[in-house]
Amino acid sequence: NSNFSVAVSGGSDSLALVYFSKCYSILNNVKINYYHIDHKLRNESS
């Protein structure tokens, strides 16, 4: 039940992780921080 952060790439794997983390936070009243890295390696990344 400690607070934690989630790395979010936006791909299918990380979105599934986001979903399960969000469900966990709702059911256990845990605060979660979500972070996405804009690497700017591609023109469309931003």
ModelCIF file with pLDDT and N, C-alpha, C, O atoms, coordinates in Angstrom:
data_MODEL
#
_entry.id   MODEL 
#
_entity.id                         1 
_entity.type                       polymer 
_entity.pdbx_number_of_molecules   1 
#
_entity_poly.entity_id                      1 
_entity_poly.type                           'polypeptide(L)' 
_entity_poly.nstd_linkage                   no 
_entity_poly.nstd_monomer                   no 
_entity_poly.pdbx_seq_one_letter_code       NSNFSVAVSGGSDSLALVYFSKCYSILNNVKINYYHIDHKLRNESS 
_entity_poly.pdbx_seq_one_letter_code_can   NSNFSVAVSGGSDSLALVYFSKCYSILNNVKINYYHIDHKLRNESS 
_entity_poly.pdbx_strand_id                 A 
#
loop_
_entity_poly_seq.entity_id 
_entity_poly_seq.num 
_entity_poly_seq.mon_id 
_entity_poly_seq.hetero 
1 1  ASN n 
1 2  SER n 
1 3  ASN n 
1 4  PHE n 
1 5  SER n 
1 6  VAL n 
1 7  ALA n 
1 8  VAL n 
1 9  SER n 
1 10 GLY n 
1 11 GLY n 
1 12 SER n 
1 13 ASP n 
1 14 SER n 
1 15 LEU n 
1 16 ALA n 
1 17 LEU n 
1 18 VAL n 
1 19 TYR n 
1 20 PHE n 
1 21 SER n 
1 22 LYS n 
1 23 CYS n 
1 24 TYR n 
1 25 SER n 
1 26 ILE n 
1 27 LEU n 
1 28 ASN n 
1 29 ASN n 
1 30 VAL n 
1 31 LYS n 
1 32 ILE n 
1 33 ASN n 
1 34 TYR n 
1 35 TYR n 
1 36 HIS n 
1 37 ILE n 
1 38 ASP n 
1 39 HIS n 
1 40 LYS n 
1 41 LEU n 
1 42 ARG n 
1 43 ASN n 
1 44 GLU n 
1 45 SER n 
1 46 SER n 
#
_struct_asym.id          A 
_struct_asym.entity_id   1 
#
loop_
_ma_qa_metric.id 
_ma_qa_metric.mode 
_ma_qa_metric.name 
_ma_qa_metric.software_group_id 
_ma_qa_metric.type 
1 global pLDDT . pLDDT 
2 local  pLDDT . pLDDT 
#
_ma_qa_metric_global.metric_id      1 
_ma_qa_metric_global.metric_value   91.74 
_ma_qa_metric_global.model_id       1 
_ma_qa_metric_global.ordinal_id     1 
#
loop_
_ma_qa_metric_local.label_asym_id 
_ma_qa_metric_local.label_comp_id 
_ma_qa_metric_local.label_seq_id 
_ma_qa_metric_local.metric_id 
_ma_qa_metric_local.metric_value 
_ma_qa_metric_local.model_id 
_ma_qa_metric_local.ordinal_id 
A ASN 1  2 73.00 1 1  
A SER 2  2 81.00 1 2  
A ASN 3  2 84.00 1 3  
A PHE 4  2 91.00 1 4  
A SER 5  2 95.00 1 5  
A VAL 6  2 96.00 1 6  
A ALA 7  2 95.00 1 7  
A VAL 8  2 95.00 1 8  
A SER 9  2 91.00 1 9  
A GLY 10 2 90.00 1 10 
A GLY 11 2 91.00 1 11 
A SER 12 2 92.00 1 12 
A ASP 13 2 94.00 1 13 
A SER 14 2 95.00 1 14 
A LEU 15 2 96.00 1 15 
A ALA 16 2 97.00 1 16 
A LEU 17 2 97.00 1 17 
A VAL 18 2 97.00 1 18 
A TYR 19 2 97.00 1 19 
A PHE 20 2 98.00 1 20 
A SER 21 2 97.00 1 21 
A LYS 22 2 97.00 1 22 
A CYS 23 2 97.00 1 23 
A TYR 24 2 96.00 1 24 
A SER 25 2 95.00 1 25 
A ILE 26 2 95.00 1 26 
A LEU 27 2 94.00 1 27 
A ASN 28 2 93.00 1 28 
A ASN 29 2 90.00 1 29 
A VAL 30 2 91.00 1 30 
A LYS 31 2 90.00 1 31 
A ILE 32 2 94.00 1 32 
A ASN 33 2 96.00 1 33 
A TYR 34 2 97.00 1 34 
A TYR 35 2 96.00 1 35 
A HIS 36 2 95.00 1 36 
A ILE 37 2 93.00 1 37 
A ASP 38 2 91.00 1 38 
A HIS 39 2 87.00 1 39 
A LYS 40 2 84.00 1 40 
A LEU 41 2 82.00 1 41 
A ARG 42 2 81.00 1 42 
A ASN 43 2 83.00 1 43 
A GLU 44 2 86.00 1 44 
A SER 45 2 86.00 1 45 
A SER 46 2 89.00 1 46 
#
loop_
_atom_site.group_PDB 
_atom_site.id 
_atom_site.type_symbol 
_atom_site.label_atom_id 
_atom_site.label_alt_id 
_atom_site.label_comp_id 
_atom_site.label_asym_id 
_atom_site.label_entity_id 
_atom_site.label_seq_id 
_atom_site.pdbx_PDB_ins_code 
_atom_site.Cartn_x 
_atom_site.Cartn_y 
_atom_site.Cartn_z 
_atom_site.occupancy 
_atom_site.B_iso_or_equiv 
_atom_site.pdbx_formal_charge 
_atom_site.auth_seq_id 
_atom_site.auth_comp_id 
_atom_site.auth_asym_id 
_atom_site.auth_atom_id 
_atom_site.pdbx_PDB_model_num 
ATOM 1   N N  . ASN A 1 1  ? 0.793   -1.246 0.000   1.00 73.00 ? 1  ASN A N  1 
ATOM 2   C CA . ASN A 1 1  ? 0.000   0.000  0.000   1.00 73.00 ? 1  ASN A CA 1 
ATOM 3   C C  . ASN A 1 1  ? 0.819   1.288  0.000   1.00 73.00 ? 1  ASN A C  1 
ATOM 4   O O  . ASN A 1 1  ? 0.303   2.353  0.336   1.00 73.00 ? 1  ASN A O  1 
ATOM 5   N N  . SER A 1 2  ? 2.110   1.191  -0.381  1.00 81.00 ? 2  SER A N  1 
ATOM 6   C CA . SER A 1 2  ? 2.917   2.407  -0.521  1.00 81.00 ? 2  SER A CA 1 
ATOM 7   C C  . SER A 1 2  ? 2.549   3.116  -1.816  1.00 81.00 ? 2  SER A C  1 
ATOM 8   O O  . SER A 1 2  ? 2.096   2.484  -2.771  1.00 81.00 ? 2  SER A O  1 
ATOM 9   N N  . ASN A 1 3  ? 2.745   4.429  -1.845  1.00 84.00 ? 3  ASN A N  1 
ATOM 10  C CA . ASN A 1 3  ? 2.542   5.178  -3.083  1.00 84.00 ? 3  ASN A CA 1 
ATOM 11  C C  . ASN A 1 3  ? 3.629   4.802  -4.084  1.00 84.00 ? 3  ASN A C  1 
ATOM 12  O O  . ASN A 1 3  ? 4.748   4.464  -3.698  1.00 84.00 ? 3  ASN A O  1 
ATOM 13  N N  . PHE A 1 4  ? 3.297   4.861  -5.358  1.00 91.00 ? 4  PHE A N  1 
ATOM 14  C CA . PHE A 1 4  ? 4.299   4.528  -6.374  1.00 91.00 ? 4  PHE A CA 1 
ATOM 15  C C  . PHE A 1 4  ? 4.033   5.303  -7.660  1.00 91.00 ? 4  PHE A C  1 
ATOM 16  O O  . PHE A 1 4  ? 2.994   5.946  -7.806  1.00 91.00 ? 4  PHE A O  1 
ATOM 17  N N  . SER A 1 5  ? 4.977   5.234  -8.581  1.00 95.00 ? 5  SER A N  1 
ATOM 18  C CA . SER A 1 5  ? 4.825   5.900  -9.869  1.00 95.00 ? 5  SER A CA 1 
ATOM 19  C C  . SER A 1 5  ? 4.829   4.845  -10.976 1.00 95.00 ? 5  SER A C  1 
ATOM 20  O O  . SER A 1 5  ? 5.328   3.734  -10.797 1.00 95.00 ? 5  SER A O  1 
ATOM 21  N N  . VAL A 1 6  ? 4.260   5.222  -12.125 1.00 96.00 ? 6  VAL A N  1 
ATOM 22  C CA . VAL A 1 6  ? 4.148   4.307  -13.261 1.00 96.00 ? 6  VAL A CA 1 
ATOM 23  C C  . VAL A 1 6  ? 4.760   4.967  -14.496 1.00 96.00 ? 6  VAL A C  1 
ATOM 24  O O  . VAL A 1 6  ? 4.418   6.098  -14.840 1.00 96.00 ? 6  VAL A O  1 
ATOM 25  N N  . ALA A 1 7  ? 5.667   4.248  -15.160 1.00 95.00 ? 7  ALA A N  1 
ATOM 26  C CA . ALA A 1 7  ? 6.249   4.732  -16.412 1.00 95.00 ? 7  ALA A CA 1 
ATOM 27  C C  . ALA A 1 7  ? 5.299   4.374  -17.556 1.00 95.00 ? 7  ALA A C  1 
ATOM 28  O O  . ALA A 1 7  ? 4.924   3.214  -17.721 1.00 95.00 ? 7  ALA A O  1 
ATOM 29  N N  . VAL A 1 8  ? 4.917   5.376  -18.339 1.00 95.00 ? 8  VAL A N  1 
ATOM 30  C CA . VAL A 1 8  ? 3.907   5.186  -19.387 1.00 95.00 ? 8  VAL A CA 1 
ATOM 31  C C  . VAL A 1 8  ? 4.508   5.525  -20.749 1.00 95.00 ? 8  VAL A C  1 
ATOM 32  O O  . VAL A 1 8  ? 4.848   6.679  -21.010 1.00 95.00 ? 8  VAL A O  1 
ATOM 33  N N  . SER A 1 9  ? 4.637   4.530  -21.608 1.00 91.00 ? 9  SER A N  1 
ATOM 34  C CA . SER A 1 9  ? 5.140   4.806  -22.958 1.00 91.00 ? 9  SER A CA 1 
ATOM 35  C C  . SER A 1 9  ? 3.994   5.137  -23.910 1.00 91.00 ? 9  SER A C  1 
ATOM 36  O O  . SER A 1 9  ? 4.172   5.877  -24.878 1.00 91.00 ? 9  SER A O  1 
ATOM 37  N N  . GLY A 1 10 ? 2.821   4.583  -23.628 1.00 90.00 ? 10 GLY A N  1 
ATOM 38  C CA . GLY A 1 10 ? 1.670   4.769  -24.502 1.00 90.00 ? 10 GLY A CA 1 
ATOM 39  C C  . GLY A 1 10 ? 1.389   3.561  -25.367 1.00 90.00 ? 10 GLY A C  1 
ATOM 40  O O  . GLY A 1 10 ? 0.368   3.502  -26.052 1.00 90.00 ? 10 GLY A O  1 
ATOM 41  N N  . GLY A 1 11 ? 2.310   2.579  -25.337 1.00 91.00 ? 11 GLY A N  1 
ATOM 42  C CA . GLY A 1 11 ? 2.097   1.323  -26.058 1.00 91.00 ? 11 GLY A CA 1 
ATOM 43  C C  . GLY A 1 11 ? 1.102   0.439  -25.327 1.00 91.00 ? 11 GLY A C  1 
ATOM 44  O O  . GLY A 1 11 ? 0.672   0.764  -24.221 1.00 91.00 ? 11 GLY A O  1 
ATOM 45  N N  . SER A 1 12 ? 0.736   -0.672 -25.941 1.00 92.00 ? 12 SER A N  1 
ATOM 46  C CA . SER A 1 12 ? -0.296  -1.544 -25.357 1.00 92.00 ? 12 SER A CA 1 
ATOM 47  C C  . SER A 1 12 ? 0.122   -2.109 -24.000 1.00 92.00 ? 12 SER A C  1 
ATOM 48  O O  . SER A 1 12 ? -0.714  -2.247 -23.107 1.00 92.00 ? 12 SER A O  1 
ATOM 49  N N  . ASP A 1 13 ? 1.404   -2.437 -23.835 1.00 94.00 ? 13 ASP A N  1 
ATOM 50  C CA . ASP A 1 13 ? 1.877   -3.012 -22.568 1.00 94.00 ? 13 ASP A CA 1 
ATOM 51  C C  . ASP A 1 13 ? 1.727   -1.999 -21.432 1.00 94.00 ? 13 ASP A C  1 
ATOM 52  O O  . ASP A 1 13 ? 1.207   -2.310 -20.361 1.00 94.00 ? 13 ASP A O  1 
ATOM 53  N N  . SER A 1 14 ? 2.203   -0.770 -21.700 1.00 95.00 ? 14 SER A N  1 
ATOM 54  C CA . SER A 1 14 ? 2.191   0.232  -20.633 1.00 95.00 ? 14 SER A CA 1 
ATOM 55  C C  . SER A 1 14 ? 0.780   0.706  -20.313 1.00 95.00 ? 14 SER A C  1 
ATOM 56  O O  . SER A 1 14 ? 0.491   1.047  -19.166 1.00 95.00 ? 14 SER A O  1 
ATOM 57  N N  . LEU A 1 15 ? -0.116  0.732  -21.320 1.00 96.00 ? 15 LEU A N  1 
ATOM 58  C CA . LEU A 1 15 ? -1.496  1.127  -21.042 1.00 96.00 ? 15 LEU A CA 1 
ATOM 59  C C  . LEU A 1 15 ? -2.212  0.068  -20.202 1.00 96.00 ? 15 LEU A C  1 
ATOM 60  O O  . LEU A 1 15 ? -3.049  0.394  -19.361 1.00 96.00 ? 15 LEU A O  1 
ATOM 61  N N  . ALA A 1 16 ? -1.878  -1.189 -20.436 1.00 97.00 ? 16 ALA A N  1 
ATOM 62  C CA . ALA A 1 16 ? -2.422  -2.251 -19.580 1.00 97.00 ? 16 ALA A CA 1 
ATOM 63  C C  . ALA A 1 16 ? -1.917  -2.065 -18.148 1.00 97.00 ? 16 ALA A C  1 
ATOM 64  O O  . ALA A 1 16 ? -2.671  -2.248 -17.192 1.00 97.00 ? 16 ALA A O  1 
ATOM 65  N N  . LEU A 1 17 ? -0.644  -1.703 -18.004 1.00 97.00 ? 17 LEU A N  1 
ATOM 66  C CA . LEU A 1 17 ? -0.077  -1.428 -16.686 1.00 97.00 ? 17 LEU A CA 1 
ATOM 67  C C  . LEU A 1 17 ? -0.776  -0.237 -16.032 1.00 97.00 ? 17 LEU A C  1 
ATOM 68  O O  . LEU A 1 17 ? -1.063  -0.262 -14.835 1.00 97.00 ? 17 LEU A O  1 
ATOM 69  N N  . VAL A 1 18 ? -1.047  0.793  -16.810 1.00 97.00 ? 18 VAL A N  1 
ATOM 70  C CA . VAL A 1 18 ? -1.769  1.968  -16.309 1.00 97.00 ? 18 VAL A CA 1 
ATOM 71  C C  . VAL A 1 18 ? -3.149  1.562  -15.799 1.00 97.00 ? 18 VAL A C  1 
ATOM 72  O O  . VAL A 1 18 ? -3.580  1.994  -14.730 1.00 97.00 ? 18 VAL A O  1 
ATOM 73  N N  . TYR A 1 19 ? -3.839  0.723  -16.582 1.00 97.00 ? 19 TYR A N  1 
ATOM 74  C CA . TYR A 1 19 ? -5.191  0.297  -16.203 1.00 97.00 ? 19 TYR A CA 1 
ATOM 75  C C  . TYR A 1 19 ? -5.179  -0.463 -14.878 1.00 97.00 ? 19 TYR A C  1 
ATOM 76  O O  . TYR A 1 19 ? -5.951  -0.148 -13.972 1.00 97.00 ? 19 TYR A O  1 
ATOM 77  N N  . PHE A 1 20 ? -4.301  -1.467 -14.765 1.00 98.00 ? 20 PHE A N  1 
ATOM 78  C CA . PHE A 1 20 ? -4.257  -2.268 -13.542 1.00 98.00 ? 20 PHE A CA 1 
ATOM 79  C C  . PHE A 1 20 ? -3.819  -1.416 -12.338 1.00 98.00 ? 20 PHE A C  1 
ATOM 80  O O  . PHE A 1 20 ? -4.299  -1.616 -11.223 1.00 98.00 ? 20 PHE A O  1 
ATOM 81  N N  . SER A 1 21 ? -2.912  -0.473 -12.575 1.00 97.00 ? 21 SER A N  1 
ATOM 82  C CA . SER A 1 21 ? -2.476  0.426  -11.497 1.00 97.00 ? 21 SER A CA 1 
ATOM 83  C C  . SER A 1 21 ? -3.618  1.316  -11.033 1.00 97.00 ? 21 SER A C  1 
ATOM 84  O O  . SER A 1 21 ? -3.793  1.542  -9.835  1.00 97.00 ? 21 SER A O  1 
ATOM 85  N N  . LYS A 1 22 ? -4.392  1.819  -11.985 1.00 97.00 ? 22 LYS A N  1 
ATOM 86  C CA . LYS A 1 22 ? -5.522  2.684  -11.642 1.00 97.00 ? 22 LYS A CA 1 
ATOM 87  C C  . LYS A 1 22 ? -6.564  1.915  -10.840 1.00 97.00 ? 22 LYS A C  1 
ATOM 88  O O  . LYS A 1 22 ? -7.098  2.428  -9.857  1.00 97.00 ? 22 LYS A O  1 
ATOM 89  N N  . CYS A 1 23 ? -6.853  0.690  -11.256 1.00 97.00 ? 23 CYS A N  1 
ATOM 90  C CA . CYS A 1 23 ? -7.797  -0.153 -10.506 1.00 97.00 ? 23 CYS A CA 1 
ATOM 91  C C  . CYS A 1 23 ? -7.290  -0.381 -9.081  1.00 97.00 ? 23 CYS A C  1 
ATOM 92  O O  . CYS A 1 23 ? -8.057  -0.318 -8.120  1.00 97.00 ? 23 CYS A O  1 
ATOM 93  N N  . TYR A 1 24 ? -5.992  -0.644 -8.962  1.00 96.00 ? 24 TYR A N  1 
ATOM 94  C CA . TYR A 1 24 ? -5.390  -0.871 -7.645  1.00 96.00 ? 24 TYR A CA 1 
ATOM 95  C C  . TYR A 1 24 ? -5.526  0.370  -6.772  1.00 96.00 ? 24 TYR A C  1 
ATOM 96  O O  . TYR A 1 24 ? -5.829  0.263  -5.584  1.00 96.00 ? 24 TYR A O  1 
ATOM 97  N N  . SER A 1 25 ? -5.302  1.553  -7.357  1.00 95.00 ? 25 SER A N  1 
ATOM 98  C CA . SER A 1 25 ? -5.383  2.801  -6.585  1.00 95.00 ? 25 SER A CA 1 
ATOM 99  C C  . SER A 1 25 ? -6.815  3.083  -6.126  1.00 95.00 ? 25 SER A C  1 
ATOM 100 O O  . SER A 1 25 ? -7.030  3.587  -5.023  1.00 95.00 ? 25 SER A O  1 
ATOM 101 N N  . ILE A 1 26 ? -7.799  2.753  -6.982  1.00 95.00 ? 26 ILE A N  1 
ATOM 102 C CA . ILE A 1 26 ? -9.208  2.957  -6.627  1.00 95.00 ? 26 ILE A CA 1 
ATOM 103 C C  . ILE A 1 26 ? -9.610  2.033  -5.481  1.00 95.00 ? 26 ILE A C  1 
ATOM 104 O O  . ILE A 1 26 ? -10.248 2.455  -4.516  1.00 95.00 ? 26 ILE A O  1 
ATOM 105 N N  . LEU A 1 27 ? -9.222  0.765  -5.609  1.00 94.00 ? 27 LEU A N  1 
ATOM 106 C CA . LEU A 1 27 ? -9.646  -0.245 -4.638  1.00 94.00 ? 27 LEU A CA 1 
ATOM 107 C C  . LEU A 1 27 ? -8.878  -0.186 -3.322  1.00 94.00 ? 27 LEU A C  1 
ATOM 108 O O  . LEU A 1 27 ? -9.360  -0.670 -2.297  1.00 94.00 ? 27 LEU A O  1 
ATOM 109 N N  . ASN A 1 28 ? -7.680  0.408  -3.347  1.00 93.00 ? 28 ASN A N  1 
ATOM 110 C CA . ASN A 1 28 ? -6.846  0.415  -2.138  1.00 93.00 ? 28 ASN A CA 1 
ATOM 111 C C  . ASN A 1 28 ? -6.510  1.818  -1.640  1.00 93.00 ? 28 ASN A C  1 
ATOM 112 O O  . ASN A 1 28 ? -5.733  1.989  -0.700  1.00 93.00 ? 28 ASN A O  1 
ATOM 113 N N  . ASN A 1 29 ? -7.109  2.818  -2.285  1.00 90.00 ? 29 ASN A N  1 
ATOM 114 C CA . ASN A 1 29 ? -6.909  4.212  -1.866  1.00 90.00 ? 29 ASN A CA 1 
ATOM 115 C C  . ASN A 1 29 ? -5.427  4.583  -1.803  1.00 90.00 ? 29 ASN A C  1 
ATOM 116 O O  . ASN A 1 29 ? -4.948  5.139  -0.814  1.00 90.00 ? 29 ASN A O  1 
ATOM 117 N N  . VAL A 1 30 ? -4.718  4.260  -2.881  1.00 91.00 ? 30 VAL A N  1 
ATOM 118 C CA . VAL A 1 30 ? -3.285  4.530  -2.972  1.00 91.00 ? 30 VAL A CA 1 
ATOM 119 C C  . VAL A 1 30 ? -3.045  5.599  -4.037  1.00 91.00 ? 30 VAL A C  1 
ATOM 120 O O  . VAL A 1 30 ? -3.640  5.553  -5.113  1.00 91.00 ? 30 VAL A O  1 
ATOM 121 N N  . LYS A 1 31 ? -2.175  6.554  -3.736  1.00 90.00 ? 31 LYS A N  1 
ATOM 122 C CA . LYS A 1 31 ? -1.859  7.610  -4.692  1.00 90.00 ? 31 LYS A CA 1 
ATOM 123 C C  . LYS A 1 31 ? -0.801  7.110  -5.680  1.00 90.00 ? 31 LYS A C  1 
ATOM 124 O O  . LYS A 1 31 ? 0.195   6.506  -5.284  1.00 90.00 ? 31 LYS A O  1 
ATOM 125 N N  . ILE A 1 32 ? -1.032  7.370  -6.971  1.00 94.00 ? 32 ILE A N  1 
ATOM 126 C CA . ILE A 1 32 ? -0.105  6.942  -8.006  1.00 94.00 ? 32 ILE A CA 1 
ATOM 127 C C  . ILE A 1 32 ? 0.235   8.130  -8.907  1.00 94.00 ? 32 ILE A C  1 
ATOM 128 O O  . ILE A 1 32 ? -0.641  8.910  -9.281  1.00 94.00 ? 32 ILE A O  1 
ATOM 129 N N  . ASN A 1 33 ? 1.518   8.257  -9.249  1.00 96.00 ? 33 ASN A N  1 
ATOM 130 C CA . ASN A 1 33 ? 1.964   9.263  -10.207 1.00 96.00 ? 33 ASN A CA 1 
ATOM 131 C C  . ASN A 1 33 ? 2.276   8.575  -11.529 1.00 96.00 ? 33 ASN A C  1 
ATOM 132 O O  . ASN A 1 33 ? 2.956   7.549  -11.552 1.00 96.00 ? 33 ASN A O  1 
ATOM 133 N N  . TYR A 1 34 ? 1.786   9.132  -12.620 1.00 97.00 ? 34 TYR A N  1 
ATOM 134 C CA . TYR A 1 34 ? 2.013   8.568  -13.955 1.00 97.00 ? 34 TYR A CA 1 
ATOM 135 C C  . TYR A 1 34 ? 2.923   9.504  -14.745 1.00 97.00 ? 34 TYR A C  1 
ATOM 136 O O  . TYR A 1 34 ? 2.679   10.709 -14.815 1.00 97.00 ? 34 TYR A O  1 
ATOM 137 N N  . TYR A 1 35 ? 3.989   8.928  -15.347 1.00 96.00 ? 35 TYR A N  1 
ATOM 138 C CA . TYR A 1 35 ? 4.942   9.743  -16.096 1.00 96.00 ? 35 TYR A CA 1 
ATOM 139 C C  . TYR A 1 35 ? 5.172   9.182  -17.506 1.00 96.00 ? 35 TYR A C  1 
ATOM 140 O O  . TYR A 1 35 ? 5.376   7.984  -17.701 1.00 96.00 ? 35 TYR A O  1 
ATOM 141 N N  . HIS A 1 36 ? 5.131   10.084 -18.459 1.00 95.00 ? 36 HIS A N  1 
ATOM 142 C CA . HIS A 1 36 ? 5.452   9.728  -19.849 1.00 95.00 ? 36 HIS A CA 1 
ATOM 143 C C  . HIS A 1 36 ? 6.651   10.565 -20.291 1.00 95.00 ? 36 HIS A C  1 
ATOM 144 O O  . HIS A 1 36 ? 6.706   11.760 -20.004 1.00 95.00 ? 36 HIS A O  1 
ATOM 145 N N  . ILE A 1 37 ? 7.607   9.952  -20.982 1.00 93.00 ? 37 ILE A N  1 
ATOM 146 C CA . ILE A 1 37 ? 8.792   10.664 -21.463 1.00 93.00 ? 37 ILE A CA 1 
ATOM 147 C C  . ILE A 1 37 ? 8.602   11.048 -22.931 1.00 93.00 ? 37 ILE A C  1 
ATOM 148 O O  . ILE A 1 37 ? 8.433   10.186 -23.794 1.00 93.00 ? 37 ILE A O  1 
ATOM 149 N N  . ASP A 1 38 ? 8.632   12.346 -23.196 1.00 91.00 ? 38 ASP A N  1 
ATOM 150 C CA . ASP A 1 38 ? 8.640   12.830 -24.579 1.00 91.00 ? 38 ASP A CA 1 
ATOM 151 C C  . ASP A 1 38 ? 10.103  12.925 -25.000 1.00 91.00 ? 38 ASP A C  1 
ATOM 152 O O  . ASP A 1 38 ? 10.789  13.896 -24.680 1.00 91.00 ? 38 ASP A O  1 
ATOM 153 N N  . HIS A 1 39 ? 10.573  11.903 -25.723 1.00 87.00 ? 39 HIS A N  1 
ATOM 154 C CA . HIS A 1 39 ? 11.997  11.802 -26.054 1.00 87.00 ? 39 HIS A CA 1 
ATOM 155 C C  . HIS A 1 39 ? 12.414  12.706 -27.212 1.00 87.00 ? 39 HIS A C  1 
ATOM 156 O O  . HIS A 1 39 ? 13.600  12.984 -27.390 1.00 87.00 ? 39 HIS A O  1 
ATOM 157 N N  . LYS A 1 40 ? 11.445  13.163 -27.995 1.00 84.00 ? 40 LYS A N  1 
ATOM 158 C CA . LYS A 1 40 ? 11.698  14.055 -29.138 1.00 84.00 ? 40 LYS A CA 1 
ATOM 159 C C  . LYS A 1 40 ? 12.659  13.441 -30.167 1.00 84.00 ? 40 LYS A C  1 
ATOM 160 O O  . LYS A 1 40 ? 13.399  14.152 -30.848 1.00 84.00 ? 40 LYS A O  1 
ATOM 161 N N  . LEU A 1 41 ? 12.630  12.113 -30.260 1.00 82.00 ? 41 LEU A N  1 
ATOM 162 C CA . LEU A 1 41 ? 13.449  11.438 -31.271 1.00 82.00 ? 41 LEU A CA 1 
ATOM 163 C C  . LEU A 1 41 ? 12.724  11.361 -32.612 1.00 82.00 ? 41 LEU A C  1 
ATOM 164 O O  . LEU A 1 41 ? 13.344  11.196 -33.662 1.00 82.00 ? 41 LEU A O  1 
ATOM 165 N N  . ARG A 1 42 ? 11.402  11.484 -32.554 1.00 81.00 ? 42 ARG A N  1 
ATOM 166 C CA . ARG A 1 42 ? 10.585  11.515 -33.774 1.00 81.00 ? 42 ARG A CA 1 
ATOM 167 C C  . ARG A 1 42 ? 9.778   12.810 -33.799 1.00 81.00 ? 42 ARG A C  1 
ATOM 168 O O  . ARG A 1 42 ? 9.430   13.351 -32.749 1.00 81.00 ? 42 ARG A O  1 
ATOM 169 N N  . ASN A 1 43 ? 9.484   13.301 -34.990 1.00 83.00 ? 43 ASN A N  1 
ATOM 170 C CA . ASN A 1 43 ? 8.768   14.574 -35.133 1.00 83.00 ? 43 ASN A CA 1 
ATOM 171 C C  . ASN A 1 43 ? 7.405   14.550 -34.445 1.00 83.00 ? 43 ASN A C  1 
ATOM 172 O O  . ASN A 1 43 ? 6.929   15.562 -33.930 1.00 83.00 ? 43 ASN A O  1 
ATOM 173 N N  . GLU A 1 44 ? 6.791   13.364 -34.453 1.00 86.00 ? 44 GLU A N  1 
ATOM 174 C CA . GLU A 1 44 ? 5.427   13.254 -33.922 1.00 86.00 ? 44 GLU A CA 1 
ATOM 175 C C  . GLU A 1 44 ? 5.376   12.938 -32.426 1.00 86.00 ? 44 GLU A C  1 
ATOM 176 O O  . GLU A 1 44 ? 4.287   12.795 -31.870 1.00 86.00 ? 44 GLU A O  1 
ATOM 177 N N  . SER A 1 45 ? 6.536   12.826 -31.762 1.00 86.00 ? 45 SER A N  1 
ATOM 178 C CA . SER A 1 45 ? 6.540   12.383 -30.356 1.00 86.00 ? 45 SER A CA 1 
ATOM 179 C C  . SER A 1 45 ? 5.786   13.357 -29.432 1.00 86.00 ? 45 SER A C  1 
ATOM 180 O O  . SER A 1 45 ? 5.085   12.922 -28.518 1.00 86.00 ? 45 SER A O  1 
ATOM 181 N N  . SER A 1 46 ? 5.927   14.659 -29.667 1.00 89.00 ? 46 SER A N  1 
ATOM 182 C CA . SER A 1 46 ? 5.252   15.634 -28.795 1.00 89.00 ? 46 SER A CA 1 
ATOM 183 C C  . SER A 1 46 ? 3.737   15.609 -28.973 1.00 89.00 ? 46 SER A C  1 
ATOM 184 O O  . SER A 1 46 ? 3.025   16.367 -28.314 1.00 89.00 ? 46 SER A O  1 
#
